[in-house]
PDB file of N, CA and C in Angstrom:
ATOM      1  N   MET A   1     -22.042 -47.823 -18.268  1.00  0.00           N
ATOM      2  CA  MET A   1     -21.854 -46.852 -17.201  1.00  0.00           C
ATOM      3  C   MET A   1     -21.215 -45.590 -17.795  1.00  0.00           C
ATOM      4  N   SER A   2     -21.766 -44.416 -17.519  1.00  0.00           N
ATOM      5  CA  SER A   2     -21.238 -43.165 -18.071  1.00  0.00           C
ATOM      6  C   SER A   2     -20.025 -42.698 -17.259  1.00  0.00           C
ATOM      7  N   PRO A   3     -19.121 -41.956 -17.907  1.00  0.00           N
ATOM      8  CA  PRO A   3     -17.942 -41.470 -17.183  1.00  0.00           C
ATOM      9  C   PRO A   3     -18.341 -40.461 -16.112  1.00  0.00           C
ATOM     10  N   ALA A   4     -17.593 -40.461 -15.036  1.00  0.00           N
ATOM     11  CA  ALA A   4     -17.865 -39.524 -13.936  1.00  0.00           C
ATOM     12  C   ALA A   4     -17.535 -38.103 -14.375  1.00  0.00           C
ATOM     13  N   VAL A   5     -18.369 -37.182 -13.981  1.00  0.00           N
ATOM     14  CA  VAL A   5     -18.149 -35.774 -14.294  1.00  0.00           C
ATOM     15  C   VAL A   5     -17.439 -35.130 -13.109  1.00  0.00           C
ATOM     16  N   LYS A   6     -16.298 -34.520 -13.398  1.00  0.00           N
ATOM     17  CA  LYS A   6     -15.536 -33.866 -12.334  1.00  0.00           C
ATOM     18  C   LYS A   6     -16.115 -32.486 -12.059  1.00  0.00           C
ATOM     19  N   PRO A   7     -16.215 -32.121 -10.796  1.00  0.00           N
ATOM     20  CA  PRO A   7     -16.650 -30.755 -10.478  1.00  0.00           C
ATOM     21  C   PRO A   7     -15.539 -29.782 -10.836  1.00  0.00           C
ATOM     22  N   PRO A   8     -15.884 -28.510 -11.036  1.00  0.00           N
ATOM     23  CA  PRO A   8     -14.844 -27.522 -11.344  1.00  0.00           C
ATOM     24  C   PRO A   8     -13.864 -27.404 -10.176  1.00  0.00           C
ATOM     25  N   PRO A   9     -12.621 -27.038 -10.462  1.00  0.00           N
ATOM     26  CA  PRO A   9     -11.650 -26.912  -9.368  1.00  0.00           C
ATOM     27  C   PRO A   9     -12.025 -25.783  -8.423  1.00  0.00           C
ATOM     28  N   VAL A  10     -11.690 -25.958  -7.178  1.00  0.00           N
ATOM     29  CA  VAL A  10     -11.943 -24.928  -6.176  1.00  0.00           C
ATOM     30  C   VAL A  10     -10.803 -23.926  -6.257  1.00  0.00           C
ATOM     31  N   LEU A  11     -11.159 -22.665  -6.393  1.00  0.00           N
ATOM     32  CA  LEU A  11     -10.143 -21.622  -6.475  1.00  0.00           C
ATOM     33  C   LEU A  11      -9.726 -21.230  -5.063  1.00  0.00           C
ATOM     34  N   THR A  12      -8.470 -21.426  -4.770  1.00  0.00           N
ATOM     35  CA  THR A  12      -7.993 -21.114  -3.431  1.00  0.00           C
ATOM     36  C   THR A  12      -7.094 -19.891  -3.401  1.00  0.00           C
ATOM     37  N   ALA A  13      -6.554 -19.504  -4.533  1.00  0.00           N
ATOM     38  CA  ALA A  13      -5.661 -18.346  -4.568  1.00  0.00           C
ATOM     39  C   ALA A  13      -6.207 -17.315  -5.547  1.00  0.00           C
ATOM     40  N   ALA A  14      -6.036 -16.069  -5.186  1.00  0.00           N
ATOM     41  CA  ALA A  14      -6.474 -14.994  -6.072  1.00  0.00           C
ATOM     42  C   ALA A  14      -5.532 -14.902  -7.259  1.00  0.00           C
ATOM     43  N   THR A  15      -6.072 -14.588  -8.398  1.00  0.00           N
ATOM     44  CA  THR A  15      -5.235 -14.373  -9.577  1.00  0.00           C
ATOM     45  C   THR A  15      -4.632 -12.972  -9.508  1.00  0.00           C
ATOM     46  N   ASP A  16      -3.662 -12.712 -10.361  1.00  0.00           N
ATOM     47  CA  ASP A  16      -3.059 -11.380 -10.409  1.00  0.00           C
ATOM     48  C   ASP A  16      -4.105 -10.315 -10.719  1.00  0.00           C
ATOM     49  N   ALA A  17      -5.035 -10.642 -11.604  1.00  0.00           N
ATOM     50  CA  ALA A  17      -6.084  -9.681 -11.963  1.00  0.00           C
ATOM     51  C   ALA A  17      -6.989  -9.399 -10.769  1.00  0.00           C
ATOM     52  N   ASP A  18      -7.317 -10.438 -10.006  1.00  0.00           N
ATOM     53  CA  ASP A  18      -8.147 -10.248  -8.808  1.00  0.00           C
ATOM     54  C   ASP A  18      -7.444  -9.348  -7.803  1.00  0.00           C
ATOM     55  N   THR A  19      -6.157  -9.604  -7.604  1.00  0.00           N
ATOM     56  CA  THR A  19      -5.377  -8.809  -6.660  1.00  0.00           C
ATOM     57  C   THR A  19      -5.302  -7.358  -7.106  1.00  0.00           C
ATOM     58  N   ALA A  20      -5.052  -7.137  -8.390  1.00  0.00           N
ATOM     59  CA  ALA A  20      -4.976  -5.772  -8.918  1.00  0.00           C
ATOM     60  C   ALA A  20      -6.323  -5.061  -8.796  1.00  0.00           C
ATOM     61  N   HIS A  21      -7.402  -5.786  -9.046  1.00  0.00           N
ATOM     62  CA  HIS A  21      -8.739  -5.191  -8.947  1.00  0.00           C
ATOM     63  C   HIS A  21      -9.037  -4.785  -7.510  1.00  0.00           C
ATOM     64  N   ARG A  22      -8.725  -5.663  -6.570  1.00  0.00           N
ATOM     65  CA  ARG A  22      -8.962  -5.338  -5.155  1.00  0.00           C
ATOM     66  C   ARG A  22      -8.168  -4.101  -4.742  1.00  0.00           C
ATOM     67  N   ARG A  23      -6.906  -4.035  -5.193  1.00  0.00           N
ATOM     68  CA  ARG A  23      -6.080  -2.878  -4.846  1.00  0.00           C
ATOM     69  C   ARG A  23      -6.672  -1.607  -5.427  1.00  0.00           C
ATOM     70  N   LEU A  24      -7.119  -1.659  -6.665  1.00  0.00           N
ATOM     71  CA  LEU A  24      -7.712  -0.485  -7.303  1.00  0.00           C
ATOM     72  C   LEU A  24      -8.963  -0.037  -6.551  1.00  0.00           C
ATOM     73  N   VAL A  25      -9.828  -0.971  -6.211  1.00  0.00           N
ATOM     74  CA  VAL A  25     -11.070  -0.626  -5.508  1.00  0.00           C
ATOM     75  C   VAL A  25     -10.755  -0.040  -4.132  1.00  0.00           C
ATOM     76  N   ARG A  26      -9.842  -0.682  -3.383  1.00  0.00           N
ATOM     77  CA  ARG A  26      -9.476  -0.162  -2.057  1.00  0.00           C
ATOM     78  C   ARG A  26      -8.908   1.250  -2.164  1.00  0.00           C
ATOM     79  N   THR A  27      -8.040   1.466  -3.138  1.00  0.00           N
ATOM     80  CA  THR A  27      -7.405   2.775  -3.314  1.00  0.00           C
ATOM     81  C   THR A  27      -8.432   3.818  -3.729  1.00  0.00           C
ATOM     82  N   PHE A  28      -9.343   3.441  -4.621  1.00  0.00           N
ATOM     83  CA  PHE A  28     -10.395   4.361  -5.071  1.00  0.00           C
ATOM     84  C   PHE A  28     -11.300   4.761  -3.904  1.00  0.00           C
ATOM     85  N   VAL A  29     -11.718   3.781  -3.121  1.00  0.00           N
ATOM     86  CA  VAL A  29     -12.615   4.069  -1.985  1.00  0.00           C
ATOM     87  C   VAL A  29     -11.908   4.960  -0.968  1.00  0.00           C
ATOM     88  N   ALA A  30     -10.645   4.664  -0.682  1.00  0.00           N
ATOM     89  CA  ALA A  30      -9.901   5.489   0.266  1.00  0.00           C
ATOM     90  C   ALA A  30      -9.792   6.930  -0.246  1.00  0.00           C
ATOM     91  N   ALA A  31      -9.529   7.105  -1.536  1.00  0.00           N
ATOM     92  CA  ALA A  31      -9.440   8.451  -2.110  1.00  0.00           C
ATOM     93  C   ALA A  31     -10.783   9.164  -2.040  1.00  0.00           C
ATOM     94  N   ALA A  32     -11.850   8.444  -2.308  1.00  0.00           N
ATOM     95  CA  ALA A  32     -13.187   9.047  -2.256  1.00  0.00           C
ATOM     96  C   ALA A  32     -13.553   9.464  -0.832  1.00  0.00           C
ATOM     97  N   GLN A  33     -13.142   8.675   0.143  1.00  0.00           N
ATOM     98  CA  GLN A  33     -13.491   8.969   1.533  1.00  0.00           C
ATOM     99  C   GLN A  33     -12.654  10.097   2.128  1.00  0.00           C
ATOM    100  N   THR A  34     -11.381  10.143   1.752  1.00  0.00           N
ATOM    101  CA  THR A  34     -10.484  11.118   2.375  1.00  0.00           C
ATOM    102  C   THR A  34     -10.237  12.353   1.523  1.00  0.00           C
ATOM    103  N   GLY A  35     -10.468  12.244   0.224  1.00  0.00           N
ATOM    104  CA  GLY A  35     -10.174  13.350  -0.668  1.00  0.00           C
ATOM    105  C   GLY A  35      -8.713  13.403  -1.087  1.00  0.00           C
ATOM    106  N   ASP A  36      -7.892  12.485  -0.573  1.00  0.00           N
ATOM    107  CA  ASP A  36      -6.471  12.426  -0.921  1.00  0.00           C
ATOM    108  C   ASP A  36      -6.311  11.541  -2.144  1.00  0.00           C
ATOM    109  N   LEU A  37      -6.014  12.160  -3.278  1.00  0.00           N
ATOM    110  CA  LEU A  37      -5.936  11.428  -4.543  1.00  0.00           C
ATOM    111  C   LEU A  37      -4.528  10.952  -4.894  1.00  0.00           C
ATOM    112  N   THR A  38      -3.543  11.257  -4.069  1.00  0.00           N
ATOM    113  CA  THR A  38      -2.151  10.959  -4.398  1.00  0.00           C
ATOM    114  C   THR A  38      -1.930   9.477  -4.713  1.00  0.00           C
ATOM    115  N   GLU A  39      -2.338   8.592  -3.835  1.00  0.00           N
ATOM    116  CA  GLU A  39      -2.100   7.164  -4.054  1.00  0.00           C
ATOM    117  C   GLU A  39      -2.866   6.657  -5.275  1.00  0.00           C
ATOM    118  N   LEU A  40      -4.097   7.127  -5.455  1.00  0.00           N
ATOM    119  CA  LEU A  40      -4.876   6.721  -6.625  1.00  0.00           C
ATOM    120  C   LEU A  40      -4.209   7.195  -7.913  1.00  0.00           C
ATOM    121  N   GLU A  41      -3.749   8.434  -7.924  1.00  0.00           N
ATOM    122  CA  GLU A  41      -3.060   8.962  -9.109  1.00  0.00           C
ATOM    123  C   GLU A  41      -1.796   8.159  -9.414  1.00  0.00           C
ATOM    124  N   GLU A  42      -1.040   7.810  -8.377  1.00  0.00           N
ATOM    125  CA  GLU A  42       0.177   7.019  -8.581  1.00  0.00           C
ATOM    126  C   GLU A  42      -0.145   5.640  -9.124  1.00  0.00           C
ATOM    127  N   LEU A  43      -1.189   5.023  -8.597  1.00  0.00           N
ATOM    128  CA  LEU A  43      -1.586   3.698  -9.057  1.00  0.00           C
ATOM    129  C   LEU A  43      -2.015   3.740 -10.529  1.00  0.00           C
ATOM    130  N   LEU A  44      -2.819   4.723 -10.888  1.00  0.00           N
ATOM    131  CA  LEU A  44      -3.290   4.834 -12.258  1.00  0.00           C
ATOM    132  C   LEU A  44      -2.151   5.211 -13.213  1.00  0.00           C
ATOM    133  N   ALA A  45      -1.267   6.093 -12.778  1.00  0.00           N
ATOM    134  CA  ALA A  45      -0.146   6.491 -13.626  1.00  0.00           C
ATOM    135  C   ALA A  45       0.795   5.314 -13.856  1.00  0.00           C
ATOM    136  N   ALA A  46       1.015   4.483 -12.850  1.00  0.00           N
ATOM    137  CA  ALA A  46       1.887   3.323 -12.998  1.00  0.00           C
ATOM    138  C   ALA A  46       1.297   2.346 -14.010  1.00  0.00           C
ATOM    139  N   ASP A  47      -0.017   2.247 -14.056  1.00  0.00           N
ATOM    140  CA  ASP A  47      -0.672   1.345 -15.002  1.00  0.00           C
ATOM    141  C   ASP A  47      -0.504   1.845 -16.431  1.00  0.00           C
ATOM    142  N   VAL A  48      -0.507   3.145 -16.623  1.00  0.00           N
ATOM    143  CA  VAL A  48      -0.384   3.733 -17.954  1.00  0.00           C
ATOM    144  C   VAL A  48       1.063   3.695 -18.438  1.00  0.00           C
ATOM    145  N   THR A  49       1.989   4.009 -17.550  1.00  0.00           N
ATOM    146  CA  THR A  49       3.395   4.107 -17.945  1.00  0.00           C
ATOM    147  C   THR A  49       4.147   2.798 -17.796  1.00  0.00           C
ATOM    148  N   GLY A  50       3.640   1.892 -16.973  1.00  0.00           N
ATOM    149  CA  GLY A  50       4.374   0.650 -16.687  1.00  0.00           C
ATOM    150  C   GLY A  50       3.958  -0.428 -17.547  1.00  0.00           C
TER     151      GLY A  50
END
């Protein structure tokens, strides 16, 4: 009898990278729609300096 193959684990929580990516996309889209780049600039600057 062959050993049972386990299915991959179900991901229930977002990783830090997923969360950061979602925030970047939301901020980028909001800046593109409104023309207000302040929050996007702050987010990008924090990534460079932090």
